[in-house]
Amino acid sequence: MQDTSAEALKLRNQVSTGMYLYRAGQIGHSNIVDAQFWAPENPLTPGYADKYGVDFKTIDYIIRGKLKPGANFITRLAPGLGNNKGGALEIVTNPNSVQIDSYFMP
């Protein structure tokens, strides 16, 4: 469900106008091109895993892209997972809704 806070609506507008979206994961464990959960900040940002409630301990890759024109999405508070509390605003899309423009393996 779309968060109606001013911050969530501001992020929604930024995503609609071409903001970069980021995601990190582990090969064989995380979705890549068909991923649905995206962040507005780089996964190398300190505290990322805690803020976005992700469950990986190491990062195998980071991907970046922009929402495809006309794609449906919402912005909401990321739920926690395990010891990671979540609470940062995230972008949730349908699978294959983000055009990937970079793939980085740290």
N, C-alpha and C. Protein backbone atom coordinates (compact mmCIF):
# COMPACT_ATOMS: atom_id res chain seq x y z
N MET A 1 0.84 -1.17 0.00
CA MET A 1 0.00 0.00 0.00
C MET A 1 0.90 1.25 0.00
N GLN A 2 0.54 2.22 -0.79
CA GLN A 2 1.30 3.46 -0.87
C GLN A 2 1.26 4.21 0.45
N ASP A 3 2.43 4.55 0.97
CA ASP A 3 2.55 5.39 2.16
C ASP A 3 2.15 6.81 1.75
N THR A 4 1.35 7.47 2.57
CA THR A 4 0.88 8.81 2.20
C THR A 4 1.61 9.93 2.93
N SER A 5 2.72 9.60 3.59
CA SER A 5 3.50 10.66 4.25
C SER A 5 4.12 11.58 3.19
N ALA A 6 4.45 12.78 3.59
CA ALA A 6 5.06 13.74 2.67
C ALA A 6 6.36 13.19 2.09
N GLU A 7 7.15 12.50 2.91
CA GLU A 7 8.43 11.96 2.45
C GLU A 7 8.22 10.86 1.41
N ALA A 8 7.24 9.99 1.63
CA ALA A 8 6.96 8.91 0.70
C ALA A 8 6.43 9.45 -0.63
N LEU A 9 5.60 10.47 -0.57
CA LEU A 9 5.07 11.06 -1.80
C LEU A 9 6.15 11.82 -2.55
N LYS A 10 7.06 12.46 -1.83
CA LYS A 10 8.20 13.13 -2.47
C LYS A 10 9.08 12.09 -3.18
N LEU A 11 9.36 10.97 -2.52
CA LEU A 11 10.15 9.91 -3.15
C LEU A 11 9.43 9.37 -4.37
N ARG A 12 8.13 9.20 -4.28
CA ARG A 12 7.35 8.71 -5.42
C ARG A 12 7.53 9.63 -6.63
N ASN A 13 7.48 10.93 -6.40
CA ASN A 13 7.68 11.88 -7.48
C ASN A 13 9.10 11.78 -8.05
N GLN A 14 10.09 11.64 -7.18
CA GLN A 14 11.47 11.53 -7.65
C GLN A 14 11.67 10.28 -8.49
N VAL A 15 11.08 9.16 -8.07
CA VAL A 15 11.19 7.92 -8.83
C VAL A 15 10.51 8.09 -10.20
N SER A 16 9.36 8.73 -10.21
CA SER A 16 8.61 8.95 -11.46
C SER A 16 9.38 9.81 -12.46
N THR A 17 10.27 10.66 -11.95
CA THR A 17 11.00 11.56 -12.84
C THR A 17 12.44 11.11 -13.09
N GLY A 18 12.73 9.82 -12.85
CA GLY A 18 14.01 9.27 -13.27
C GLY A 18 15.08 9.07 -12.22
N MET A 19 14.73 9.06 -10.96
CA MET A 19 15.71 8.81 -9.90
C MET A 19 16.31 7.42 -10.06
N TYR A 20 17.61 7.29 -9.76
CA TYR A 20 18.24 5.98 -9.76
C TYR A 20 17.73 5.15 -8.58
N LEU A 21 17.54 3.86 -8.83
CA LEU A 21 17.13 2.90 -7.82
C LEU A 21 18.26 1.89 -7.66
N TYR A 22 18.44 1.39 -6.45
CA TYR A 22 19.55 0.49 -6.14
C TYR A 22 19.06 -0.76 -5.44
N ARG A 23 19.89 -1.77 -5.56
CA ARG A 23 19.61 -3.04 -4.89
C ARG A 23 20.91 -3.81 -4.79
N ALA A 24 21.05 -4.59 -3.75
CA ALA A 24 22.21 -5.45 -3.58
C ALA A 24 21.73 -6.85 -3.26
N GLY A 25 22.62 -7.80 -3.40
CA GLY A 25 22.22 -9.15 -3.07
C GLY A 25 23.35 -10.15 -3.16
N GLN A 26 22.94 -11.40 -3.04
CA GLN A 26 23.86 -12.52 -3.12
C GLN A 26 23.46 -13.39 -4.29
N ILE A 27 24.43 -13.76 -5.11
CA ILE A 27 24.17 -14.61 -6.27
C ILE A 27 23.60 -15.94 -5.78
N GLY A 28 22.53 -16.37 -6.46
CA GLY A 28 21.86 -17.61 -6.10
C GLY A 28 20.85 -17.47 -4.97
N HIS A 29 20.76 -16.27 -4.40
CA HIS A 29 19.85 -16.06 -3.27
C HIS A 29 18.88 -14.90 -3.53
N SER A 30 19.33 -13.88 -4.24
CA SER A 30 18.54 -12.66 -4.44
C SER A 30 18.14 -12.52 -5.91
N ASN A 31 16.98 -11.90 -6.13
CA ASN A 31 16.53 -11.61 -7.49
C ASN A 31 17.35 -10.46 -8.08
N ILE A 32 17.50 -10.50 -9.40
CA ILE A 32 18.26 -9.43 -10.05
C ILE A 32 17.32 -8.65 -10.96
N VAL A 33 17.16 -9.04 -12.23
CA VAL A 33 16.35 -8.24 -13.16
C VAL A 33 14.87 -8.26 -12.83
N ASP A 34 14.40 -9.30 -12.17
CA ASP A 34 12.97 -9.37 -11.83
C ASP A 34 12.70 -8.96 -10.38
N ALA A 35 13.65 -8.25 -9.78
CA ALA A 35 13.50 -7.80 -8.39
C ALA A 35 12.34 -6.81 -8.25
N GLN A 36 11.71 -6.85 -7.10
CA GLN A 36 10.58 -5.97 -6.82
C GLN A 36 10.89 -4.90 -5.78
N PHE A 37 11.91 -5.09 -4.97
CA PHE A 37 12.18 -4.19 -3.85
C PHE A 37 13.47 -3.42 -4.12
N TRP A 38 13.38 -2.09 -4.12
CA TRP A 38 14.48 -1.22 -4.49
C TRP A 38 14.66 -0.11 -3.45
N ALA A 39 15.86 0.41 -3.39
CA ALA A 39 16.16 1.50 -2.46
C ALA A 39 16.59 2.74 -3.23
N PRO A 40 16.37 3.91 -2.65
CA PRO A 40 16.81 5.15 -3.30
C PRO A 40 18.26 5.50 -2.99
N GLU A 41 18.96 4.61 -2.26
CA GLU A 41 20.36 4.89 -1.94
C GLU A 41 21.23 3.67 -2.20
N ASN A 42 22.50 3.93 -2.42
CA ASN A 42 23.48 2.90 -2.72
C ASN A 42 23.63 1.93 -1.54
N PRO A 43 23.65 0.63 -1.81
CA PRO A 43 23.81 -0.35 -0.74
C PRO A 43 25.14 -0.29 0.01
N LEU A 44 26.11 0.46 -0.50
CA LEU A 44 27.37 0.63 0.22
C LEU A 44 27.26 1.70 1.31
N THR A 45 26.12 2.37 1.39
CA THR A 45 25.88 3.35 2.43
C THR A 45 25.87 2.65 3.79
N PRO A 46 26.62 3.16 4.76
CA PRO A 46 26.62 2.52 6.09
C PRO A 46 25.20 2.39 6.65
N GLY A 47 24.89 1.22 7.20
CA GLY A 47 23.59 0.96 7.80
C GLY A 47 22.52 0.51 6.84
N TYR A 48 22.86 0.34 5.57
CA TYR A 48 21.88 -0.02 4.54
C TYR A 48 21.06 -1.26 4.93
N ALA A 49 21.73 -2.35 5.28
CA ALA A 49 21.02 -3.61 5.58
C ALA A 49 20.00 -3.42 6.70
N ASP A 50 20.37 -2.69 7.72
CA ASP A 50 19.47 -2.46 8.83
C ASP A 50 18.28 -1.60 8.40
N LYS A 51 18.55 -0.52 7.66
CA LYS A 51 17.49 0.41 7.25
C LYS A 51 16.48 -0.22 6.30
N TYR A 52 16.95 -1.15 5.45
CA TYR A 52 16.07 -1.74 4.45
C TYR A 52 15.64 -3.16 4.79
N GLY A 53 16.02 -3.65 5.97
CA GLY A 53 15.57 -4.95 6.43
C GLY A 53 15.99 -6.10 5.54
N VAL A 54 17.19 -6.04 4.98
CA VAL A 54 17.66 -7.12 4.11
C VAL A 54 18.38 -8.18 4.93
N ASP A 55 18.43 -9.40 4.40
CA ASP A 55 18.94 -10.52 5.18
C ASP A 55 20.32 -11.02 4.78
N PHE A 56 21.01 -10.33 3.87
CA PHE A 56 22.33 -10.83 3.49
C PHE A 56 23.41 -10.28 4.40
N LYS A 57 24.43 -11.09 4.60
CA LYS A 57 25.56 -10.67 5.44
C LYS A 57 26.69 -10.10 4.60
N THR A 58 26.78 -10.54 3.36
CA THR A 58 27.78 -10.02 2.42
C THR A 58 27.07 -9.61 1.14
N ILE A 59 27.69 -8.73 0.39
CA ILE A 59 27.13 -8.27 -0.88
C ILE A 59 27.95 -8.86 -2.02
N ASP A 60 27.30 -9.63 -2.89
CA ASP A 60 27.95 -10.16 -4.09
C ASP A 60 27.86 -9.17 -5.25
N TYR A 61 26.76 -8.43 -5.29
CA TYR A 61 26.55 -7.49 -6.40
C TYR A 61 25.70 -6.31 -5.96
N ILE A 62 25.82 -5.24 -6.73
CA ILE A 62 24.96 -4.06 -6.60
C ILE A 62 24.45 -3.76 -8.00
N ILE A 63 23.16 -3.53 -8.13
CA ILE A 63 22.60 -3.13 -9.41
C ILE A 63 21.94 -1.76 -9.25
N ARG A 64 21.92 -1.04 -10.36
CA ARG A 64 21.32 0.29 -10.39
C ARG A 64 20.50 0.40 -11.66
N GLY A 65 19.41 1.13 -11.57
CA GLY A 65 18.58 1.35 -12.75
C GLY A 65 17.53 2.41 -12.48
N LYS A 66 16.67 2.57 -13.46
CA LYS A 66 15.55 3.51 -13.35
C LYS A 66 14.26 2.79 -13.68
N LEU A 67 13.18 3.24 -13.07
CA LEU A 67 11.87 2.68 -13.34
C LEU A 67 11.54 2.83 -14.82
N LYS A 68 11.01 1.78 -15.42
CA LYS A 68 10.59 1.84 -16.83
C LYS A 68 9.37 2.75 -16.94
N PRO A 69 9.27 3.50 -18.04
CA PRO A 69 8.11 4.40 -18.23
C PRO A 69 6.79 3.64 -18.09
N GLY A 70 5.88 4.19 -17.32
CA GLY A 70 4.55 3.60 -17.15
C GLY A 70 4.47 2.46 -16.16
N ALA A 71 5.60 2.07 -15.57
CA ALA A 71 5.59 0.96 -14.60
C ALA A 71 4.87 1.37 -13.32
N ASN A 72 4.13 0.44 -12.76
CA ASN A 72 3.44 0.68 -11.49
C ASN A 72 4.40 0.46 -10.34
N PHE A 73 4.26 1.25 -9.29
CA PHE A 73 5.09 1.11 -8.10
C PHE A 73 4.46 1.85 -6.93
N ILE A 74 4.95 1.54 -5.75
CA ILE A 74 4.59 2.28 -4.55
C ILE A 74 5.87 2.60 -3.79
N THR A 75 5.76 3.56 -2.88
CA THR A 75 6.82 3.83 -1.92
C THR A 75 6.23 3.57 -0.54
N ARG A 76 7.03 2.91 0.29
CA ARG A 76 6.55 2.54 1.62
C ARG A 76 7.74 2.37 2.55
N LEU A 77 7.45 2.17 3.83
CA LEU A 77 8.50 1.88 4.79
C LEU A 77 8.89 0.41 4.66
N ALA A 78 10.19 0.16 4.54
CA ALA A 78 10.68 -1.21 4.43
C ALA A 78 10.43 -1.96 5.72
N PRO A 79 9.89 -3.18 5.64
CA PRO A 79 9.71 -3.97 6.85
C PRO A 79 11.05 -4.51 7.35
N GLY A 80 11.11 -4.82 8.62
CA GLY A 80 12.31 -5.42 9.18
C GLY A 80 12.39 -6.90 8.84
N LEU A 81 13.59 -7.43 9.01
CA LEU A 81 13.81 -8.86 8.79
C LEU A 81 14.92 -9.32 9.72
N GLY A 82 14.63 -10.30 10.54
CA GLY A 82 15.63 -10.76 11.51
C GLY A 82 16.03 -9.64 12.45
N ASN A 83 17.33 -9.42 12.57
CA ASN A 83 17.83 -8.35 13.44
C ASN A 83 17.84 -6.99 12.76
N ASN A 84 17.54 -6.93 11.48
CA ASN A 84 17.54 -5.66 10.74
C ASN A 84 16.15 -5.05 10.83
N LYS A 85 16.08 -3.85 11.40
CA LYS A 85 14.79 -3.25 11.76
C LYS A 85 13.98 -2.68 10.61
N GLY A 86 14.60 -2.34 9.46
CA GLY A 86 13.85 -1.71 8.38
C GLY A 86 13.50 -0.28 8.74
N GLY A 87 12.46 0.25 8.10
CA GLY A 87 11.98 1.58 8.43
C GLY A 87 12.34 2.67 7.44
N ALA A 88 13.26 2.41 6.51
CA ALA A 88 13.59 3.40 5.48
C ALA A 88 12.57 3.29 4.35
N LEU A 89 12.39 4.36 3.60
CA LEU A 89 11.48 4.31 2.47
C LEU A 89 12.08 3.49 1.34
N GLU A 90 11.29 2.58 0.81
CA GLU A 90 11.71 1.75 -0.31
C GLU A 90 10.71 1.86 -1.44
N ILE A 91 11.11 1.37 -2.60
CA ILE A 91 10.27 1.37 -3.79
C ILE A 91 9.90 -0.08 -4.07
N VAL A 92 8.62 -0.36 -4.26
CA VAL A 92 8.16 -1.72 -4.57
C VAL A 92 7.50 -1.67 -5.94
N THR A 93 7.97 -2.52 -6.84
CA THR A 93 7.49 -2.57 -8.21
C THR A 93 7.02 -3.97 -8.56
N ASN A 94 6.48 -4.11 -9.74
CA ASN A 94 6.23 -5.44 -10.31
C ASN A 94 7.56 -5.97 -10.85
N PRO A 95 7.70 -7.29 -10.97
CA PRO A 95 8.93 -7.83 -11.56
C PRO A 95 9.22 -7.22 -12.93
N ASN A 96 10.48 -7.03 -13.24
CA ASN A 96 10.95 -6.52 -14.53
C ASN A 96 10.51 -5.09 -14.82
N SER A 97 10.29 -4.28 -13.79
CA SER A 97 9.86 -2.90 -13.98
C SER A 97 10.99 -1.89 -13.95
N VAL A 98 12.21 -2.34 -13.69
CA VAL A 98 13.35 -1.44 -13.62
C VAL A 98 14.32 -1.77 -14.75
N GLN A 99 14.73 -0.74 -15.47
CA GLN A 99 15.73 -0.89 -16.53
C GLN A 99 17.10 -0.79 -15.89
N ILE A 100 17.81 -1.90 -15.82
CA ILE A 100 19.14 -1.95 -15.19
C ILE A 100 20.15 -1.25 -16.09
N ASP A 101 20.98 -0.38 -15.49
CA ASP A 101 22.02 0.27 -16.29
C ASP A 101 23.43 -0.01 -15.76
N SER A 102 23.51 -0.61 -14.56
CA SER A 102 24.84 -1.01 -14.10
C SER A 102 24.73 -2.19 -13.15
N TYR A 103 25.78 -2.98 -13.17
CA TYR A 103 25.89 -4.18 -12.34
C TYR A 103 27.32 -4.17 -11.81
N PHE A 104 27.48 -4.14 -10.51
CA PHE A 104 28.79 -3.99 -9.88
C PHE A 104 29.00 -5.11 -8.89
N MET A 105 30.16 -5.73 -8.94
CA MET A 105 30.53 -6.76 -7.96
C MET A 105 31.66 -6.22 -7.11
N PRO A 106 31.34 -5.81 -5.84
CA PRO A 106 32.40 -5.22 -5.00
C PRO A 106 33.49 -6.21 -4.62
